[in-house]
N, C-alpha and C. Protein backbone atom coordinates (compact mmCIF):
# COMPACT_ATOMS: atom_id res chain seq x y z
N MET A 1 16.61 -4.85 -11.59
CA MET A 1 15.41 -6.09 -12.11
C MET A 1 14.67 -5.02 -11.90
N PRO A 2 13.93 -5.37 -13.17
CA PRO A 2 12.11 -5.23 -12.85
C PRO A 2 11.17 -6.30 -12.11
N THR A 3 10.83 -5.63 -11.20
CA THR A 3 9.63 -6.68 -10.92
C THR A 3 8.54 -7.38 -12.23
N PRO A 4 8.30 -8.31 -11.58
CA PRO A 4 7.88 -8.92 -13.18
C PRO A 4 6.01 -8.59 -12.40
N LYS A 5 5.82 -9.21 -14.11
CA LYS A 5 3.72 -7.98 -13.84
C LYS A 5 3.36 -9.51 -13.21
N PHE A 6 2.26 -9.21 -12.35
CA PHE A 6 1.01 -10.55 -12.07
C PHE A 6 0.44 -10.56 -13.21
N ASN A 7 0.03 -11.61 -13.43
CA ASN A 7 -0.54 -12.20 -14.36
C ASN A 7 -1.60 -13.28 -14.07
N SER A 8 -3.03 -12.55 -13.81
CA SER A 8 -4.40 -13.08 -13.36
C SER A 8 -4.86 -14.66 -14.49
N ARG A 9 -4.16 -14.38 -15.40
CA ARG A 9 -4.62 -15.62 -15.97
C ARG A 9 -3.66 -17.21 -15.74
N LEU A 10 -2.48 -16.26 -14.99
CA LEU A 10 -1.44 -17.36 -15.22
C LEU A 10 -0.74 -17.63 -13.27
N ASP A 11 -1.93 -16.69 -12.58
CA ASP A 11 -1.71 -17.01 -11.09
C ASP A 11 -2.30 -16.49 -10.40
N PRO A 12 -3.44 -18.03 -10.03
CA PRO A 12 -4.61 -17.24 -9.15
C PRO A 12 -4.17 -16.67 -7.77
N PHE A 13 -3.15 -16.67 -7.60
CA PHE A 13 -3.20 -15.33 -6.39
C PHE A 13 -1.74 -14.64 -5.94
N ILE A 14 -1.52 -14.00 -5.12
CA ILE A 14 -0.80 -13.02 -4.88
C ILE A 14 0.22 -13.44 -4.41
N GLY A 15 -0.06 -14.43 -3.19
CA GLY A 15 0.93 -14.55 -2.28
C GLY A 15 -0.07 -14.92 -1.09
N TYR A 16 0.45 -15.05 0.36
CA TYR A 16 -0.05 -15.50 1.31
C TYR A 16 0.23 -14.30 2.46
N ARG A 17 -1.46 -14.90 3.10
CA ARG A 17 -1.43 -13.98 4.38
C ARG A 17 -0.98 -14.43 5.40
N VAL A 18 -0.41 -14.69 6.30
CA VAL A 18 0.36 -15.44 7.31
C VAL A 18 0.17 -14.84 8.74
N ALA A 19 -0.21 -16.36 9.86
CA ALA A 19 -0.43 -15.67 10.85
C ALA A 19 -0.20 -16.51 11.74
N LEU A 20 -0.09 -16.50 13.07
CA LEU A 20 -0.25 -17.20 14.15
C LEU A 20 -1.42 -18.35 14.49
N ALA A 21 -0.74 -19.55 14.35
CA ALA A 21 -1.77 -20.35 14.47
C ALA A 21 -2.34 -20.42 16.23
N THR A 22 -3.67 -21.02 16.36
CA THR A 22 -4.38 -20.63 17.38
C THR A 22 -3.25 -21.49 18.43
N GLU A 23 -3.04 -23.03 17.83
CA GLU A 23 -2.33 -24.28 18.93
C GLU A 23 0.10 -23.03 18.41
N ALA A 24 0.01 -22.39 18.24
CA ALA A 24 1.65 -22.25 18.17
C ALA A 24 1.72 -22.61 19.34
N ASP A 25 3.09 -23.19 19.25
CA ASP A 25 3.73 -23.96 20.39
C ASP A 25 4.95 -22.44 20.92
N ALA A 26 5.26 -22.06 21.70
CA ALA A 26 6.42 -20.57 21.76
C ALA A 26 7.68 -21.09 21.69
N SER A 27 8.40 -22.39 21.78
CA SER A 27 9.27 -23.26 21.27
C SER A 27 9.92 -23.21 19.61
N ALA A 28 8.73 -23.20 18.75
CA ALA A 28 8.45 -23.48 17.68
C ALA A 28 8.84 -22.30 17.00
N LEU A 29 8.01 -21.60 17.80
CA LEU A 29 8.01 -19.73 17.17
C LEU A 29 9.50 -19.25 17.38
N LEU A 30 9.56 -19.43 18.72
CA LEU A 30 11.59 -19.17 18.96
C LEU A 30 12.38 -19.15 17.30
N ARG A 31 12.02 -20.65 17.65
CA ARG A 31 13.25 -20.99 15.87
C ARG A 31 12.65 -20.96 15.12
N LEU A 32 11.91 -20.42 14.38
CA LEU A 32 11.58 -19.88 13.22
C LEU A 32 11.71 -17.93 13.49
N ALA A 33 12.42 -17.21 14.82
CA ALA A 33 12.41 -15.74 14.61
C ALA A 33 13.64 -14.87 13.10
N ALA A 34 14.25 -15.38 12.90
CA ALA A 34 15.42 -15.61 11.85
C ALA A 34 14.36 -14.91 10.83
N HIS A 35 13.07 -15.17 10.43
CA HIS A 35 12.36 -14.60 9.66
C HIS A 35 11.94 -13.65 10.14
N GLN A 36 12.15 -12.63 9.06
CA GLN A 36 11.77 -11.66 9.96
C GLN A 36 9.69 -10.97 9.63
N ALA A 37 9.33 -12.28 9.16
CA ALA A 37 7.78 -12.05 9.12
C ALA A 37 7.34 -12.91 10.33
N VAL A 38 8.06 -14.09 10.57
CA VAL A 38 7.68 -14.16 12.59
C VAL A 38 7.82 -13.33 12.98
N ARG A 39 8.72 -12.19 13.17
CA ARG A 39 9.66 -11.91 14.49
C ARG A 39 7.95 -10.51 14.48
N ALA A 40 8.32 -10.07 13.32
CA ALA A 40 6.35 -9.82 13.30
C ALA A 40 5.52 -9.78 14.40
N LEU A 41 5.31 -11.35 13.87
CA LEU A 41 3.97 -11.74 14.54
C LEU A 41 4.09 -11.71 15.82
N LEU A 42 5.54 -12.27 16.21
CA LEU A 42 5.30 -11.94 17.96
C LEU A 42 5.65 -11.25 18.34
N GLY A 43 5.63 -9.90 17.22
CA GLY A 43 5.51 -8.42 17.91
C GLY A 43 4.61 -7.98 18.06
N GLY A 44 3.47 -9.12 17.49
CA GLY A 44 2.10 -8.47 18.27
C GLY A 44 1.09 -7.97 17.07
N GLN A 45 1.51 -8.01 15.78
CA GLN A 45 1.59 -7.74 14.43
C GLN A 45 0.19 -9.34 13.62
N ARG A 46 -0.45 -9.09 13.41
CA ARG A 46 -1.74 -10.21 13.65
C ARG A 46 -1.57 -10.68 12.52
N SER A 47 -1.66 -10.81 11.63
CA SER A 47 -0.83 -11.49 10.39
C SER A 47 0.19 -10.16 9.24
N VAL A 48 0.27 -11.12 8.43
CA VAL A 48 1.81 -10.85 7.07
C VAL A 48 1.69 -10.91 6.51
N THR A 49 1.84 -9.91 5.18
CA THR A 49 1.37 -10.81 3.75
C THR A 49 2.57 -11.30 3.32
N LEU A 50 3.06 -12.54 2.40
CA LEU A 50 4.05 -12.77 2.06
C LEU A 50 3.47 -12.75 0.57
N ALA A 51 5.01 -12.63 -0.77
CA ALA A 51 5.00 -12.82 -2.06
C ALA A 51 5.10 -14.49 -1.60
N ALA A 52 4.56 -15.06 -2.73
CA ALA A 52 4.71 -16.52 -2.77
C ALA A 52 6.20 -17.69 -2.62
N ARG A 53 6.95 -16.67 -2.84
CA ARG A 53 8.49 -17.08 -2.93
C ARG A 53 8.54 -16.95 -1.12
N ASP A 54 8.71 -16.12 -0.62
CA ASP A 54 9.28 -15.91 0.02
C ASP A 54 8.20 -16.55 1.42
N ALA A 55 6.52 -17.01 0.92
CA ALA A 55 5.87 -17.85 1.92
C ALA A 55 6.56 -19.29 2.17
N ALA A 56 6.57 -19.51 0.55
CA ALA A 56 7.62 -20.84 0.54
C ALA A 56 8.67 -21.04 1.78
N VAL A 57 9.55 -19.98 1.08
CA VAL A 57 10.98 -19.90 2.62
C VAL A 57 10.10 -20.62 3.91
N VAL A 58 8.94 -19.33 4.28
CA VAL A 58 9.12 -19.36 6.03
C VAL A 58 8.14 -20.49 5.92
N TYR A 59 7.40 -21.02 4.93
CA TYR A 59 6.31 -22.78 5.33
C TYR A 59 7.78 -23.94 5.42
N ASP A 60 8.25 -23.75 4.77
CA ASP A 60 9.48 -25.10 5.28
C ASP A 60 10.59 -24.63 6.15
N ALA A 61 10.87 -23.79 6.62
CA ALA A 61 11.14 -23.34 7.71
C ALA A 61 10.68 -23.64 8.94
N ALA A 62 8.73 -23.21 8.63
CA ALA A 62 7.84 -23.95 9.72
C ALA A 62 7.53 -25.26 9.80
N GLU A 63 7.46 -25.88 8.88
CA GLU A 63 7.40 -27.66 8.89
C GLU A 63 8.45 -28.02 9.37
N SER A 64 10.23 -27.50 8.60
CA SER A 64 11.04 -28.62 9.74
C SER A 64 11.32 -28.58 11.10
N VAL A 65 10.51 -27.11 11.90
CA VAL A 65 10.62 -27.34 13.39
C VAL A 65 9.50 -28.25 14.28
N SER A 66 8.15 -27.90 12.70
CA SER A 66 7.15 -28.46 13.55
C SER A 66 7.33 -29.93 13.97
N ARG A 67 7.89 -30.56 12.61
CA ARG A 67 8.82 -32.07 12.88
C ARG A 67 9.60 -32.26 13.88
N ALA A 68 10.65 -31.48 13.87
CA ALA A 68 11.53 -31.85 14.59
C ALA A 68 11.22 -31.83 15.90
N LEU A 69 10.07 -30.62 16.40
CA LEU A 69 9.46 -30.64 17.20
C LEU A 69 8.26 -31.94 18.02
N GLY A 70 7.74 -32.42 16.78
CA GLY A 70 6.54 -32.74 17.29
C GLY A 70 5.71 -32.46 17.58
N GLU A 71 5.43 -31.06 17.21
CA GLU A 71 4.44 -30.08 17.86
C GLU A 71 3.80 -29.48 16.18
N PRO A 72 2.53 -29.26 16.83
CA PRO A 72 1.24 -28.55 15.41
C PRO A 72 2.19 -27.37 14.58
N PHE A 73 1.66 -27.33 13.80
CA PHE A 73 2.57 -26.40 12.20
C PHE A 73 1.54 -25.05 13.43
N PRO A 74 3.11 -24.35 13.74
CA PRO A 74 3.12 -23.19 14.30
C PRO A 74 2.41 -21.44 13.60
N LEU A 75 2.11 -21.97 12.33
CA LEU A 75 1.82 -20.39 11.34
C LEU A 75 0.37 -21.25 10.34
N GLN A 76 -0.66 -20.22 10.06
CA GLN A 76 -1.67 -20.05 9.58
C GLN A 76 -1.47 -19.82 8.09
N PHE A 77 -1.12 -20.90 6.67
CA PHE A 77 -1.05 -19.84 5.69
C PHE A 77 -2.71 -19.29 4.75
N THR A 78 -2.91 -18.34 4.30
CA THR A 78 -4.27 -17.97 3.54
C THR A 78 -3.65 -17.34 2.37
N PRO A 79 -4.40 -17.87 1.22
CA PRO A 79 -3.82 -17.41 -0.20
C PRO A 79 -4.75 -16.13 -0.65
N CYS A 80 -3.97 -14.53 -0.52
CA CYS A 80 -4.70 -13.82 -1.04
C CYS A 80 -4.74 -13.25 -2.75
N ALA A 81 -6.13 -13.51 -2.96
CA ALA A 81 -6.24 -13.02 -4.07
C ALA A 81 -6.87 -12.01 -4.54
N PRO A 82 -6.33 -11.65 -6.19
CA PRO A 82 -6.38 -10.37 -6.61
C PRO A 82 -6.91 -9.53 -6.08
N HIS A 83 -6.72 -8.36 -6.16
CA HIS A 83 -8.57 -7.29 -6.32
C HIS A 83 -8.84 -7.72 -7.00
N PRO A 84 -10.26 -7.33 -7.73
CA PRO A 84 -11.29 -8.14 -8.83
C PRO A 84 -10.49 -7.03 -10.31
N TRP A 85 -10.25 -5.59 -9.42
CA TRP A 85 -10.42 -4.37 -9.89
C TRP A 85 -8.99 -4.30 -10.86
N ALA A 86 -8.00 -5.46 -10.22
CA ALA A 86 -6.37 -5.29 -10.13
C ALA A 86 -6.52 -5.24 -11.80
N GLY A 87 -5.28 -4.20 -12.28
CA GLY A 87 -4.92 -4.11 -13.81
C GLY A 87 -5.69 -4.08 -14.89
N LEU A 88 -7.19 -3.60 -14.25
CA LEU A 88 -8.00 -2.75 -15.21
C LEU A 88 -7.86 -1.11 -15.59
N ALA A 89 -7.45 -0.52 -16.74
CA ALA A 89 -7.35 0.72 -17.43
C ALA A 89 -8.33 1.44 -16.57
N VAL A 90 -8.39 2.61 -15.87
CA VAL A 90 -9.46 3.82 -15.13
C VAL A 90 -9.02 4.88 -16.29
């Protein structure tokens, strides 16, 4: 299945950069370790970039764990804008 092309007129950003929140609780993070992105963060990677769909899955899981434990949200999501020259013919 071909990868859909990015359309800057329809998509204001291309994904999310995800990092551990400063107030992240260890037990919440361990419950999220099933997600490869969270495992990378727990392994010392400062941030990971996820497509919007993948970020939504991780966000929903983090929200569920955060609510269940009554702990602060353990991850920080920052939208990633496309490079300003993306899509320009060279």
